[in-house]
């Protein structure tokens, strides 16, 4: 379909990530199938009707993504203005965070060395799963326990650090896999689905009941850094967040810090009760 090809080209020219390209194409294709109109006949009313039909079955965040996709399509591809469309506020769910003991159980429950290193890397570096699968051997400096995310979210490069123990283990692993182009694969990058399955398998074997995903390991990394006193702006840089407000969600989820607060009642002195 010509319109979808134009949409893909516009998204790529503006540096959108492969995931965003895929999502925008999905919603635009569904919209065009649903309306079954010629593009010159499409209007704001068609967009409103399509989005309103999603409210009974889709989350607010999904509807917002669909709206963004259609707005981009109308503005950049069809060269039409669709104006403002009233939308619900984005759902703000606090991310699931594993305790350090749960992280330990998860790593120990990996069924292969490669799986254990992948889970350890996600937690030790705070990398997004898309960043981890595209990590190349040449991006690492294991002697300095560092690496580079190349063209991460927003097409930005960023430095990351890992634990000394993990750096040594990765070095030994890559000595055995000396033909690898990517850290965890030979010629072609793993899919994010591969990593999700690895984490899910370890979660099941570890008996962890919390929602445990690769992104939960990133959340746990940030929360544990905050709990040990790392400055939030440093955490922002390590996570690759463009805005500090994105990182500040972790100030609301650090349960360990809340537990350590001295209760004011304990500071009051009462006469001994008889």
Protein backbone atom coordinates (compact mmCIF):
# COMPACT_ATOMS: atom_id res chain seq x y z
CA UNK A 1 0.00 0.00 0.00
CA UNK A 2 1.47 3.32 -1.13
CA UNK A 3 0.37 5.28 1.95
CA UNK A 4 2.04 2.80 4.32
CA UNK A 5 5.28 2.98 2.31
CA UNK A 6 5.21 6.77 2.57
CA UNK A 7 4.50 6.54 6.31
CA UNK A 8 7.45 4.17 6.81
CA UNK A 9 9.77 6.48 4.87
CA UNK A 10 8.69 9.55 6.88
CA UNK A 11 9.21 7.76 10.20
CA UNK A 12 12.65 6.48 9.24
CA UNK A 13 13.77 9.88 7.94
CA UNK A 14 12.88 11.40 11.31
CA UNK A 15 14.90 8.80 13.18
CA UNK A 16 12.07 6.92 14.87
CA UNK A 17 13.00 3.58 16.42
CA UNK A 18 12.07 0.30 14.66
CA UNK A 19 9.53 -0.37 17.43
CA UNK A 20 7.81 3.00 16.86
CA UNK A 21 7.79 2.41 13.10
CA UNK A 22 6.16 -0.97 13.64
CA UNK A 23 3.54 0.41 16.06
CA UNK A 24 2.59 3.41 13.90
CA UNK A 25 2.26 1.20 10.81
CA UNK A 26 0.07 -1.26 12.74
CA UNK A 27 -2.44 1.37 13.87
CA UNK A 28 -2.57 3.17 10.52
CA UNK A 29 -3.12 -0.10 8.66
CA UNK A 30 -5.97 -1.03 11.05
CA UNK A 31 -7.49 2.45 10.64
CA UNK A 32 -7.41 2.26 6.82
CA UNK A 33 -8.94 -1.23 6.88
CA UNK A 34 -11.68 -0.10 9.26
CA UNK A 35 -12.65 3.06 7.37
CA UNK A 36 -12.27 1.52 3.92
CA UNK A 37 -12.18 4.97 2.32
CA UNK A 38 -9.95 6.69 -0.19
CA UNK A 39 -7.29 8.72 1.61
CA UNK A 40 -8.58 12.01 0.22
CA UNK A 41 -11.96 11.30 1.85
CA UNK A 42 -10.55 10.68 5.36
CA UNK A 43 -11.38 13.26 8.03
CA UNK A 44 -11.17 14.01 11.75
CA UNK A 45 -14.56 12.36 12.16
CA UNK A 46 -13.15 9.07 10.91
CA UNK A 47 -10.31 9.31 13.44
CA UNK A 48 -12.70 10.03 16.32
CA UNK A 49 -14.97 7.14 15.33
CA UNK A 50 -12.02 4.73 15.10
CA UNK A 51 -10.54 5.76 18.46
CA UNK A 52 -13.90 5.74 20.26
CA UNK A 53 -14.35 2.13 19.17
CA UNK A 54 -11.20 1.16 21.07
CA UNK A 55 -12.33 2.37 24.51
CA UNK A 56 -14.19 -0.81 25.51
CA UNK A 57 -11.32 -3.21 24.80
CA UNK A 58 -8.03 -1.26 24.84
CA UNK A 59 -6.03 0.51 27.55
CA UNK A 60 -5.73 4.29 27.62
CA UNK A 61 -2.05 4.04 26.73
CA UNK A 62 -2.85 1.95 23.63
CA UNK A 63 -5.48 4.48 22.53
CA UNK A 64 -3.00 7.34 23.00
CA UNK A 65 -0.44 5.51 20.87
CA UNK A 66 -3.07 4.94 18.16
CA UNK A 67 -3.97 8.65 18.26
CA UNK A 68 -0.32 9.68 17.92
CA UNK A 69 0.09 7.31 14.97
CA UNK A 70 -2.93 8.72 13.14
CA UNK A 71 -1.98 12.32 13.84
CA UNK A 72 1.48 11.72 12.37
CA UNK A 73 -0.08 9.96 9.36
CA UNK A 74 -2.52 12.80 8.66
CA UNK A 75 0.01 15.61 9.20
CA UNK A 76 3.10 14.16 7.54
CA UNK A 77 1.77 11.79 4.88
CA UNK A 78 -1.69 13.06 3.92
CA UNK A 79 -0.74 16.70 4.63
CA UNK A 80 -4.05 17.21 6.44
CA UNK A 81 -4.75 18.87 9.77
CA UNK A 82 -7.08 16.91 12.02
CA UNK A 83 -7.08 19.41 14.89
CA UNK A 84 -7.33 18.59 18.57
CA UNK A 85 -8.97 15.32 19.59
CA UNK A 86 -9.93 15.07 23.29
CA UNK A 87 -8.10 12.11 24.80
CA UNK A 88 -7.88 10.50 28.26
CA UNK A 89 -4.83 11.17 30.38
CA UNK A 90 -2.06 8.61 30.17
CA UNK A 91 -2.23 5.90 32.82
CA UNK A 92 0.55 6.28 35.35
CA UNK A 93 1.32 2.85 36.72
CA UNK A 94 4.23 2.44 39.11
CA UNK A 95 6.69 -0.09 37.70
CA UNK A 96 7.17 -3.45 39.42
CA UNK A 97 10.41 -3.67 41.37
CA UNK A 98 12.15 -6.83 42.54
CA UNK A 99 14.01 -6.99 45.84
CA UNK A 100 17.72 -7.75 45.80
CA UNK A 101 16.95 -11.24 47.10
CA UNK A 102 14.50 -11.80 44.23
CA UNK A 103 17.11 -10.60 41.72
CA UNK A 104 19.56 -13.12 43.19
CA UNK A 105 17.00 -15.94 42.91
CA UNK A 106 16.20 -14.94 39.32
CA UNK A 107 19.87 -15.00 38.25
CA UNK A 108 20.48 -18.31 40.02
CA UNK A 109 17.43 -19.82 38.29
CA UNK A 110 18.74 -19.21 34.76
CA UNK A 111 19.06 -22.53 32.94
CA UNK A 112 22.19 -21.71 30.89
CA UNK A 113 25.31 -19.58 31.28
CA UNK A 114 24.16 -17.32 28.45
CA UNK A 115 20.76 -16.78 30.10
CA UNK A 116 22.41 -16.00 33.44
CA UNK A 117 24.69 -13.42 31.80
CA UNK A 118 21.75 -11.81 29.97
CA UNK A 119 19.72 -11.42 33.17
CA UNK A 120 22.79 -10.16 35.05
CA UNK A 121 23.55 -7.65 32.28
CA UNK A 122 19.99 -6.26 32.29
CA UNK A 123 20.14 -5.69 36.05
CA UNK A 124 23.77 -4.56 36.28
CA UNK A 125 23.51 -1.95 33.52
CA UNK A 126 19.85 -0.90 33.40
CA UNK A 127 19.82 -1.41 29.63
CA UNK A 128 16.55 -1.51 27.73
CA UNK A 129 15.95 -4.95 26.22
CA UNK A 130 16.20 -3.46 22.69
CA UNK A 131 19.60 -2.02 23.61
CA UNK A 132 20.86 -5.31 25.00
CA UNK A 133 20.00 -7.41 21.93
CA UNK A 134 21.80 -4.91 19.67
CA UNK A 135 24.90 -4.70 21.87
CA UNK A 136 28.01 -5.61 19.87
CA UNK A 137 31.29 -7.02 21.14
CA UNK A 138 33.09 -3.91 19.83
CA UNK A 139 30.84 -1.72 22.02
CA UNK A 140 32.40 -3.15 25.20
CA UNK A 141 35.56 -2.20 27.07
CA UNK A 142 35.65 -5.00 29.61
CA UNK A 143 38.94 -3.89 31.15
CA UNK A 144 37.22 -0.66 32.22
CA UNK A 145 33.88 -2.43 32.93
CA UNK A 146 32.11 -0.11 30.48
CA UNK A 147 30.22 -0.22 27.22
CA UNK A 148 28.37 2.02 24.78
CA UNK A 149 24.75 1.96 23.72
CA UNK A 150 24.85 3.04 20.08
CA UNK A 151 21.84 4.98 18.80
CA UNK A 152 19.63 4.21 21.78
CA UNK A 153 16.25 5.85 22.37
CA UNK A 154 16.28 9.25 20.67
CA UNK A 155 19.22 8.04 18.49
CA UNK A 156 21.67 8.96 21.26
CA UNK A 157 24.85 7.14 22.27
CA UNK A 158 25.35 6.57 25.99
CA UNK A 159 28.03 5.10 28.24
CA UNK A 160 27.10 2.37 30.71
CA UNK A 161 28.98 0.57 33.46
CA UNK A 162 28.73 -2.98 34.75
CA UNK A 163 29.90 -4.84 37.82
CA UNK A 164 33.48 -6.08 37.97
CA UNK A 165 32.29 -9.68 38.40
CA UNK A 166 30.03 -9.47 35.36
CA UNK A 167 32.77 -7.91 33.24
CA UNK A 168 35.05 -10.86 34.04
CA UNK A 169 32.31 -13.38 33.26
CA UNK A 170 31.47 -11.69 29.95
CA UNK A 171 35.17 -11.69 29.02
CA UNK A 172 35.44 -15.45 29.66
CA UNK A 173 32.19 -16.05 27.76
CA UNK A 174 33.35 -14.09 24.71
CA UNK A 175 36.71 -15.87 24.70
CA UNK A 176 34.71 -19.02 24.00
CA UNK A 177 32.47 -17.23 21.47
CA UNK A 178 35.24 -15.48 19.56
CA UNK A 179 33.22 -15.35 16.32
CA UNK A 180 30.36 -13.39 17.88
CA UNK A 181 29.49 -10.05 16.28
CA UNK A 182 26.89 -9.33 18.95
CA UNK A 183 27.60 -9.98 22.63
CA UNK A 184 24.89 -12.64 22.87
CA UNK A 185 24.58 -13.82 19.27
CA UNK A 186 26.78 -14.56 16.30
CA UNK A 187 25.70 -12.70 13.14
CA UNK A 188 22.11 -11.66 13.77
CA UNK A 189 20.78 -9.88 16.86
CA UNK A 190 18.46 -11.82 19.17
CA UNK A 191 14.85 -10.69 19.27
CA UNK A 192 13.43 -8.97 22.33
CA UNK A 193 11.00 -11.90 22.52
CA UNK A 194 13.97 -14.24 23.04
CA UNK A 195 15.01 -12.22 26.09
CA UNK A 196 11.48 -12.05 27.47
CA UNK A 197 11.23 -15.86 27.33
CA UNK A 198 14.56 -16.22 29.14
CA UNK A 199 13.40 -13.93 31.97
CA UNK A 200 9.99 -15.61 32.18
CA UNK A 201 11.58 -19.05 32.40
CA UNK A 202 13.90 -17.97 35.22
CA UNK A 203 11.00 -16.27 37.03
CA UNK A 204 8.97 -19.48 36.91
CA UNK A 205 11.82 -21.62 38.22
CA UNK A 206 12.59 -19.06 40.95
CA UNK A 207 8.97 -19.07 42.14
CA UNK A 208 8.67 -15.29 41.88
CA UNK A 209 5.03 -14.13 41.75
CA UNK A 210 5.62 -10.47 40.82
CA UNK A 211 5.32 -9.38 37.21
CA UNK A 212 8.90 -9.94 36.05
CA UNK A 213 10.03 -8.65 32.68
CA UNK A 214 13.32 -7.35 31.25
CA UNK A 215 12.02 -3.85 31.94
CA UNK A 216 11.36 -4.78 35.58
CA UNK A 217 15.11 -5.45 35.88
CA UNK A 218 15.79 -1.93 34.58
CA UNK A 219 13.34 -0.51 37.14
CA UNK A 220 14.97 -2.55 39.89
CA UNK A 221 18.44 -1.33 38.87
CA UNK A 222 17.32 2.31 39.14
CA UNK A 223 15.45 1.84 42.41
CA UNK A 224 18.32 0.02 44.10
CA UNK A 225 20.72 2.78 43.00
CA UNK A 226 18.41 5.37 44.55
CA UNK A 227 18.15 3.38 47.77
CA UNK A 228 21.92 3.31 48.16
CA UNK A 229 22.11 7.09 47.77
CA UNK A 230 23.00 7.60 44.11
CA UNK A 231 22.06 11.09 42.88
CA UNK A 232 18.92 11.04 40.75
CA UNK A 233 20.56 13.06 37.95
CA UNK A 234 23.27 10.43 37.72
CA UNK A 235 20.57 7.76 37.47
CA UNK A 236 18.89 9.84 34.75
CA UNK A 237 22.09 9.80 32.70
CA UNK A 238 22.66 6.08 33.28
CA UNK A 239 19.14 5.23 32.12
CA UNK A 240 19.31 7.51 29.09
CA UNK A 241 16.23 9.52 30.10
CA UNK A 242 15.85 12.80 28.21
CA UNK A 243 13.79 14.32 31.03
CA UNK A 244 14.40 14.21 34.78
CA UNK A 245 10.65 13.86 35.34
CA UNK A 246 10.82 10.38 33.76
CA UNK A 247 13.45 9.32 36.29
CA UNK A 248 11.62 10.86 39.23
CA UNK A 249 9.06 8.05 39.19
CA UNK A 250 11.65 6.09 41.17
CA UNK A 251 11.36 8.52 44.07
CA UNK A 252 7.80 7.19 44.54
CA UNK A 253 8.54 3.47 44.47
CA UNK A 254 11.46 2.98 46.80
CA UNK A 255 9.75 0.87 49.47
CA UNK A 256 12.99 0.21 51.31
CA UNK A 257 13.46 3.95 51.93
CA UNK A 258 9.88 4.20 53.23
CA UNK A 259 10.49 1.30 55.63
CA UNK A 260 13.55 3.04 57.07
CA UNK A 261 11.67 6.23 58.01
CA UNK A 262 11.50 6.64 61.80
CA UNK A 263 7.87 6.84 62.83
CA UNK A 264 7.09 10.04 64.79
CA UNK A 265 5.08 8.12 67.39
CA UNK A 266 8.23 6.27 68.41
CA UNK A 267 9.81 9.57 69.36
CA UNK A 268 7.18 10.44 71.93
CA UNK A 269 7.79 9.65 75.61
CA UNK A 270 4.75 8.51 77.56
CA UNK A 271 4.35 7.98 81.25
CA UNK A 272 4.45 4.32 82.13
CA UNK A 273 0.96 2.85 81.99
CA UNK A 274 -0.27 1.14 85.12
